[in-house]
Amino acid sequence: MFPIMVDAADQKIAIVGGGPIALHKVENLNRFGIVPDVIAPDIHPAIWALAERGLAVVHQKPVEWADLADAFIIMLVTDNPDVNRTMAERARAQQKIVVHAEQTDLGNAQIPAVLKRGRLLISVSTSGASPSLSTHIRNRLEEEFDERYEEYVDFLFEARQYIKKHVQERPERRHWLKKAVEARYLDYPDEREHYMADLYSRYPAL
């Protein structure tokens, strides 16, 4: 498996199935600003509630290939093995990204356990060996990478963008970028303010 980050915000993500697992997938995608299509004859009430809030697009019907032909990622979560296999085989033949958590051999991609702190994303995968272990490791990481990291990574982003634009010499860029990851900038917001003020003073915007 090759790990990669994909910007799928403007792509069609289709979930085939309408039960509790589909609900979990919808909620997970919503965390990343994605509004998926859900196709199934029976739809969980909570999915309908999300659809009413504009967080899912529901198609209450048996799935057909036409529902998936323009999808970028297809998640198969039905309790019908024949439907899962038929759609998976056709989707893979069409070079689609296919996810099936329970039968990984049907898909060509897996969704890891994810820790999200604003811009910071840490993903954990056991390549399908044990999703429970992935979740366990993710939960342990939550203790170390706590809520402080959300503002801290925003600071790193702001600093890096400014440095790329206004600091011309590479050795100086490396100095400022390396300095920004010192522990004091994680723990003390005032230190982050001093860092940025010093950066603005030394390299004023033109």
C-alpha atoms as a PDB file:
ATOM      1  CA  MET A   1       0.000   0.000   0.000  1.00  0.00           C
ATOM      2  CA  PHE A   2       1.275   3.466  -0.917  1.00  0.00           C
ATOM      3  CA  PRO A   3       0.306   6.242   1.546  1.00  0.00           C
ATOM      4  CA  ILE A   4      -0.846   9.494  -0.031  1.00  0.00           C
ATOM      5  CA  MET A   5      -2.883  12.589   0.882  1.00  0.00           C
ATOM      6  CA  VAL A   6      -5.633  13.371  -1.643  1.00  0.00           C
ATOM      7  CA  ASP A   7      -7.642  16.577  -2.001  1.00  0.00           C
ATOM      8  CA  ALA A   8     -11.110  15.151  -2.621  1.00  0.00           C
ATOM      9  CA  ALA A   9     -13.193  18.141  -1.535  1.00  0.00           C
ATOM     10  CA  ASP A  10     -14.474  18.829  -5.062  1.00  0.00           C
ATOM     11  CA  GLN A  11     -14.745  15.191  -6.113  1.00  0.00           C
ATOM     12  CA  LYS A  12     -17.737  12.873  -5.976  1.00  0.00           C
ATOM     13  CA  ILE A  13     -17.446  10.346  -3.163  1.00  0.00           C
ATOM     14  CA  ALA A  14     -20.066   7.595  -3.325  1.00  0.00           C
ATOM     15  CA  ILE A  15     -21.066   5.401  -0.392  1.00  0.00           C
ATOM     16  CA  VAL A  16     -22.970   2.269  -1.371  1.00  0.00           C
ATOM     17  CA  GLY A  17     -25.038   1.243   1.637  1.00  0.00           C
ATOM     18  CA  GLY A  18     -27.241   3.098   4.083  1.00  0.00           C
ATOM     19  CA  GLY A  19     -26.728   1.503   7.490  1.00  0.00           C
ATOM     20  CA  PRO A  20     -24.644   2.339  10.580  1.00  0.00           C
ATOM     21  CA  ILE A  21     -21.320   1.797   8.792  1.00  0.00           C
ATOM     22  CA  ALA A  22     -22.417   4.166   6.027  1.00  0.00           C
ATOM     23  CA  LEU A  23     -23.360   6.698   8.700  1.00  0.00           C
ATOM     24  CA  HIS A  24     -19.874   6.461  10.194  1.00  0.00           C
ATOM     25  CA  LYS A  25     -18.348   7.015   6.735  1.00  0.00           C
ATOM     26  CA  VAL A  26     -20.520  10.080   6.127  1.00  0.00           C
ATOM     27  CA  GLU A  27     -19.575  11.601   9.475  1.00  0.00           C
ATOM     28  CA  ASN A  28     -15.893  10.923   8.864  1.00  0.00           C
ATOM     29  CA  LEU A  29     -16.003  12.530   5.411  1.00  0.00           C
ATOM     30  CA  ASN A  30     -17.855  15.534   6.816  1.00  0.00           C
ATOM     31  CA  ARG A  31     -14.881  16.178   9.121  1.00  0.00           C
ATOM     32  CA  PHE A  32     -12.869  16.951   5.992  1.00  0.00           C
ATOM     33  CA  GLY A  33     -15.482  19.115   4.310  1.00  0.00           C
ATOM     34  CA  ILE A  34     -16.704  16.358   1.987  1.00  0.00           C
ATOM     35  CA  VAL A  35     -20.402  15.846   1.223  1.00  0.00           C
ATOM     36  CA  PRO A  36     -20.790  12.271  -0.054  1.00  0.00           C
ATOM     37  CA  ASP A  37     -23.500  10.639  -2.135  1.00  0.00           C
ATOM     38  CA  VAL A  38     -25.231   7.753  -0.339  1.00  0.00           C
ATOM     39  CA  ILE A  39     -26.957   5.111  -2.458  1.00  0.00           C
ATOM     40  CA  ALA A  40     -29.117   2.413  -0.846  1.00  0.00           C
ATOM     41  CA  PRO A  41     -32.741   1.218  -0.717  1.00  0.00           C
ATOM     42  CA  ASP A  42     -32.831   1.662   3.069  1.00  0.00           C
ATOM     43  CA  ILE A  43     -31.298   4.740   4.682  1.00  0.00           C
ATOM     44  CA  HIS A  44     -30.400   5.175   8.350  1.00  0.00           C
ATOM     45  CA  PRO A  45     -32.476   7.983   9.956  1.00  0.00           C
ATOM     46  CA  ALA A  46     -29.296   9.773  11.053  1.00  0.00           C
ATOM     47  CA  ILE A  47     -28.115   9.900   7.430  1.00  0.00           C
ATOM     48  CA  TRP A  48     -31.408  11.530   6.465  1.00  0.00           C
ATOM     49  CA  ALA A  49     -30.823  14.066   9.235  1.00  0.00           C
ATOM     50  CA  LEU A  50     -27.366  14.850   7.851  1.00  0.00           C
ATOM     51  CA  ALA A  51     -28.828  15.167   4.348  1.00  0.00           C
ATOM     52  CA  GLU A  52     -31.334  17.729   5.613  1.00  0.00           C
ATOM     53  CA  ARG A  53     -28.358  19.773   6.853  1.00  0.00           C
ATOM     54  CA  GLY A  54     -26.633  19.543   3.477  1.00  0.00           C
ATOM     55  CA  LEU A  55     -24.024  17.050   4.695  1.00  0.00           C
ATOM     56  CA  ALA A  56     -25.018  14.142   2.450  1.00  0.00           C
ATOM     57  CA  VAL A  57     -26.827  13.571  -0.848  1.00  0.00           C
ATOM     58  CA  VAL A  58     -29.174  10.607  -0.530  1.00  0.00           C
ATOM     59  CA  HIS A  59     -30.336   8.376  -3.386  1.00  0.00           C
ATOM     60  CA  GLN A  60     -32.842   5.935  -1.895  1.00  0.00           C
ATOM     61  CA  LYS A  61     -32.682   3.183  -4.503  1.00  0.00           C
ATOM     62  CA  PRO A  62     -30.797   0.006  -5.369  1.00  0.00           C
ATOM     63  CA  VAL A  63     -27.362   0.924  -6.661  1.00  0.00           C
ATOM     64  CA  GLU A  64     -26.658   0.849 -10.393  1.00  0.00           C
ATOM     65  CA  TRP A  65     -23.369   1.448 -12.146  1.00  0.00           C
ATOM     66  CA  ALA A  66     -24.733   4.742 -13.485  1.00  0.00           C
ATOM     67  CA  ASP A  67     -24.767   5.985  -9.863  1.00  0.00           C
ATOM     68  CA  LEU A  68     -21.026   5.366  -9.582  1.00  0.00           C
ATOM     69  CA  ALA A  69     -19.681   6.035 -13.063  1.00  0.00           C
ATOM     70  CA  ASP A  70     -18.587   9.598 -12.256  1.00  0.00           C
ATOM     71  CA  ALA A  71     -17.389   8.894  -8.700  1.00  0.00           C
ATOM     72  CA  PHE A  72     -13.774   9.494  -7.712  1.00  0.00           C
ATOM     73  CA  ILE A  73     -13.887   7.239  -4.640  1.00  0.00           C
ATOM     74  CA  ILE A  74     -16.395   4.434  -4.027  1.00  0.00           C
ATOM     75  CA  MET A  75     -16.986   3.031  -0.541  1.00  0.00           C
ATOM     76  CA  LEU A  76     -18.802  -0.294  -0.420  1.00  0.00           C
ATOM     77  CA  VAL A  77     -20.560  -0.887   2.895  1.00  0.00           C
ATOM     78  CA  THR A  78     -23.635  -2.928   2.002  1.00  0.00           C
ATOM     79  CA  ASP A  79     -24.508  -6.245   3.655  1.00  0.00           C
ATOM     80  CA  ASN A  80     -24.983  -7.810   0.209  1.00  0.00           C
ATOM     81  CA  PRO A  81     -21.790  -9.610  -0.904  1.00  0.00           C
ATOM     82  CA  ASP A  82     -22.989  -9.909  -4.498  1.00  0.00           C
ATOM     83  CA  VAL A  83     -23.574  -6.162  -4.801  1.00  0.00           C
ATOM     84  CA  ASN A  84     -20.226  -5.406  -3.196  1.00  0.00           C
ATOM     85  CA  ARG A  85     -18.308  -7.745  -5.487  1.00  0.00           C
ATOM     86  CA  THR A  86     -20.093  -6.720  -8.684  1.00  0.00           C
ATOM     87  CA  MET A  87     -19.601  -3.011  -8.083  1.00  0.00           C
ATOM     88  CA  ALA A  88     -16.032  -3.455  -6.862  1.00  0.00           C
ATOM     89  CA  GLU A  89     -14.989  -5.403  -9.940  1.00  0.00           C
ATOM     90  CA  ARG A  90     -16.497  -2.886 -12.318  1.00  0.00           C
ATOM     91  CA  ALA A  91     -15.115   0.082 -10.400  1.00  0.00           C
ATOM     92  CA  ARG A  92     -11.601  -1.321 -10.353  1.00  0.00           C
ATOM     93  CA  ALA A  93     -11.819  -2.046 -14.072  1.00  0.00           C
ATOM     94  CA  GLN A  94     -12.664   1.650 -14.535  1.00  0.00           C
ATOM     95  CA  GLN A  95      -9.620   2.738 -12.468  1.00  0.00           C
ATOM     96  CA  LYS A  96     -11.736   3.976  -9.557  1.00  0.00           C
ATOM     97  CA  ILE A  97     -10.535   4.169  -5.965  1.00  0.00           C
ATOM     98  CA  VAL A  98     -12.478   1.460  -4.135  1.00  0.00           C
ATOM     99  CA  VAL A  99     -12.726   0.992  -0.367  1.00  0.00           C
ATOM    100  CA  HIS A 100     -14.236  -1.990   1.417  1.00  0.00           C
ATOM    101  CA  ALA A 101     -13.269  -2.185   5.079  1.00  0.00           C
ATOM    102  CA  GLU A 102     -14.521  -5.718   5.758  1.00  0.00           C
ATOM    103  CA  GLN A 103     -13.315  -7.361   2.530  1.00  0.00           C
ATOM    104  CA  THR A 104     -10.129  -5.520   1.675  1.00  0.00           C
ATOM    105  CA  ASP A 105      -9.511  -7.810  -1.305  1.00  0.00           C
ATOM    106  CA  LEU A 106     -12.481  -6.169  -3.036  1.00  0.00           C
ATOM    107  CA  GLY A 107     -10.884  -2.745  -2.865  1.00  0.00           C
ATOM    108  CA  ASN A 108      -7.635  -1.087  -3.828  1.00  0.00           C
ATOM    109  CA  ALA A 109      -7.501   1.467  -0.997  1.00  0.00           C
ATOM    110  CA  GLN A 110      -7.950   1.581   2.765  1.00  0.00           C
ATOM    111  CA  ILE A 111      -8.919   4.359   5.144  1.00  0.00           C
ATOM    112  CA  PRO A 112      -6.536   4.680   8.099  1.00  0.00           C
ATOM    113  CA  ALA A 113      -7.328   5.742  11.633  1.00  0.00           C
ATOM    114  CA  VAL A 114      -6.850   9.517  11.661  1.00  0.00           C
ATOM    115  CA  LEU A 115      -5.945  12.065  14.307  1.00  0.00           C
ATOM    116  CA  LYS A 116      -6.889  15.581  13.182  1.00  0.00           C
ATOM    117  CA  ARG A 117      -5.777  18.768  14.904  1.00  0.00           C
ATOM    118  CA  GLY A 118      -6.641  21.528  12.469  1.00  0.00           C
ATOM    119  CA  ARG A 119      -4.044  21.337   9.687  1.00  0.00           C
ATOM    120  CA  LEU A 120      -2.217  18.503  11.424  1.00  0.00           C
ATOM    121  CA  LEU A 121      -3.235  15.048  10.219  1.00  0.00           C
ATOM    122  CA  ILE A 122      -1.670  11.877  11.597  1.00  0.00           C
ATOM    123  CA  SER A 123      -2.847   8.625  10.049  1.00  0.00           C
ATOM    124  CA  VAL A 124      -2.229   5.093  11.290  1.00  0.00           C
ATOM    125  CA  SER A 125      -2.692   1.917   9.289  1.00  0.00           C
ATOM    126  CA  THR A 126      -1.862  -1.748   9.751  1.00  0.00           C
ATOM    127  CA  SER A 127      -2.538  -2.418   6.041  1.00  0.00           C
ATOM    128  CA  GLY A 128      -5.756  -4.182   6.964  1.00  0.00           C
ATOM    129  CA  ALA A 129      -4.201  -6.508   9.553  1.00  0.00           C
ATOM    130  CA  SER A 130      -5.935  -4.946  12.556  1.00  0.00           C
ATOM    131  CA  PRO A 131      -8.065  -1.790  12.348  1.00  0.00           C
ATOM    132  CA  SER A 132      -8.499  -2.114  16.122  1.00  0.00           C
ATOM    133  CA  LEU A 133      -4.753  -1.699  16.622  1.00  0.00           C
ATOM    134  CA  SER A 134      -4.743   1.322  14.312  1.00  0.00           C
ATOM    135  CA  THR A 135      -7.462   2.897  16.443  1.00  0.00           C
ATOM    136  CA  HIS A 136      -5.603   2.022  19.646  1.00  0.00           C
ATOM    137  CA  ILE A 137      -2.414   3.689  18.402  1.00  0.00           C
ATOM    138  CA  ARG A 138      -4.376   6.723  17.203  1.00  0.00           C
ATOM    139  CA  ASN A 139      -5.958   7.069  20.636  1.00  0.00           C
ATOM    140  CA  ARG A 140      -2.544   6.983  22.304  1.00  0.00           C
ATOM    141  CA  LEU A 141      -1.270   9.659  19.928  1.00  0.00           C
ATOM    142  CA  GLU A 142      -4.202  11.894  20.901  1.00  0.00           C
ATOM    143  CA  GLU A 143      -2.658  12.264  24.350  1.00  0.00           C
ATOM    144  CA  GLU A 144       0.671  13.490  22.982  1.00  0.00           C
ATOM    145  CA  PHE A 145      -0.614  15.587  20.096  1.00  0.00           C
ATOM    146  CA  ASP A 146      -3.285  17.467  22.006  1.00  0.00           C
ATOM    147  CA  GLU A 147      -5.340  20.567  21.165  1.00  0.00           C
ATOM    148  CA  ARG A 148      -2.284  22.834  21.436  1.00  0.00           C
ATOM    149  CA  TYR A 149      -1.156  21.602  18.052  1.00  0.00           C
ATOM    150  CA  GLU A 150      -4.069  23.174  16.199  1.00  0.00           C
ATOM    151  CA  GLU A 151      -2.932  26.762  16.825  1.00  0.00           C
ATOM    152  CA  TYR A 152       0.730  25.763  16.696  1.00  0.00           C
ATOM    153  CA  VAL A 153       0.472  24.272  13.201  1.00  0.00           C
ATOM    154  CA  ASP A 154      -1.450  27.358  12.050  1.00  0.00           C
ATOM    155  CA  PHE A 155       1.518  29.398  13.298  1.00  0.00           C
ATOM    156  CA  LEU A 156       3.935  27.165  11.368  1.00  0.00           C
ATOM    157  CA  PHE A 157       1.844  27.551   8.220  1.00  0.00           C
ATOM    158  CA  GLU A 158       1.727  31.338   8.521  1.00  0.00           C
ATOM    159  CA  ALA A 159       5.458  31.531   9.207  1.00  0.00           C
ATOM    160  CA  ARG A 160       6.371  29.246   6.314  1.00  0.00           C
ATOM    161  CA  GLN A 161       4.232  31.161   3.831  1.00  0.00           C
ATOM    162  CA  TYR A 162       5.833  34.451   4.869  1.00  0.00           C
ATOM    163  CA  ILE A 163       9.355  33.014   4.798  1.00  0.00           C
ATOM    164  CA  LYS A 164       8.869  31.539   1.315  1.00  0.00           C
ATOM    165  CA  LYS A 165       7.722  34.908   0.024  1.00  0.00           C
ATOM    166  CA  HIS A 166      10.034  37.340   1.800  1.00  0.00           C
ATOM    167  CA  VAL A 167      13.230  35.522   2.842  1.00  0.00           C
ATOM    168  CA  GLN A 168      15.348  35.098  -0.261  1.00  0.00           C
ATOM    169  CA  GLU A 169      18.514  33.365   0.967  1.00  0.00           C
ATOM    170  CA  ARG A 170      18.154  29.604   1.498  1.00  0.00           C
ATOM    171  CA  PRO A 171      20.389  29.390   4.599  1.00  0.00           C
ATOM    172  CA  GLU A 172      18.273  32.071   6.252  1.00  0.00           C
ATOM    173  CA  ARG A 173      15.078  30.272   5.252  1.00  0.00           C
ATOM    174  CA  ARG A 174      16.347  27.057   6.805  1.00  0.00           C
ATOM    175  CA  HIS A 175      17.317  28.932   9.973  1.00  0.00           C
ATOM    176  CA  TRP A 176      13.869  30.442  10.463  1.00  0.00           C
ATOM    177  CA  LEU A 177      11.994  27.261   9.571  1.00  0.00           C
ATOM    178  CA  LYS A 178      14.110  25.176  11.940  1.00  0.00           C
ATOM    179  CA  LYS A 179      13.723  27.747  14.699  1.00  0.00           C
ATOM    180  CA  ALA A 180       9.916  27.668  14.410  1.00  0.00           C
ATOM    181  CA  VAL A 181       9.718  24.035  15.542  1.00  0.00           C
ATOM    182  CA  GLU A 182      11.467  24.669  18.860  1.00  0.00           C
ATOM    183  CA  ALA A 183       9.372  23.461  21.801  1.00  0.00           C
ATOM    184  CA  ARG A 184       8.783  26.916  23.253  1.00  0.00           C
ATOM    185  CA  TYR A 185       6.638  27.904  20.279  1.00  0.00           C
ATOM    186  CA  LEU A 186       4.294  25.003  20.951  1.00  0.00           C
ATOM    187  CA  ASP A 187       3.880  25.780  24.624  1.00  0.00           C
ATOM    188  CA  TYR A 188       3.888  29.581  24.702  1.00  0.00           C
ATOM    189  CA  PRO A 189       1.697  31.674  22.368  1.00  0.00           C
ATOM    190  CA  ASP A 190       3.609  34.816  23.369  1.00  0.00           C
ATOM    191  CA  GLU A 191       6.783  33.282  21.980  1.00  0.00           C
ATOM    192  CA  ARG A 192       5.018  32.717  18.662  1.00  0.00           C
ATOM    193  CA  GLU A 193       4.027  36.384  18.574  1.00  0.00           C
ATOM    194  CA  HIS A 194       7.626  37.436  19.270  1.00  0.00           C
ATOM    195  CA  TYR A 195       8.856  35.122  16.506  1.00  0.00           C
ATOM    196  CA  MET A 196       6.495  36.616  13.927  1.00  0.00           C
ATOM    197  CA  ALA A 197       7.236  40.183  15.040  1.00  0.00           C
ATOM    198  CA  ASP A 198      10.963  39.520  14.671  1.00  0.00           C
ATOM    199  CA  LEU A 199      10.400  37.939  11.262  1.00  0.00           C
ATOM    200  CA  TYR A 200       8.329  40.903  10.036  1.00  0.00           C
ATOM    201  CA  SER A 201      10.945  43.335  11.346  1.00  0.00           C
ATOM    202  CA  ARG A 202      13.898  41.617   9.689  1.00  0.00           C
ATOM    203  CA  TYR A 203      12.128  40.907   6.403  1.00  0.00           C
ATOM    204  CA  PRO A 204       9.426  43.539   5.866  1.00  0.00           C
ATOM    205  CA  ALA A 205       6.849  42.891   3.172  1.00  0.00           C
ATOM    206  CA  LEU A 206       7.586  44.922   0.065  1.00  0.00           C
END
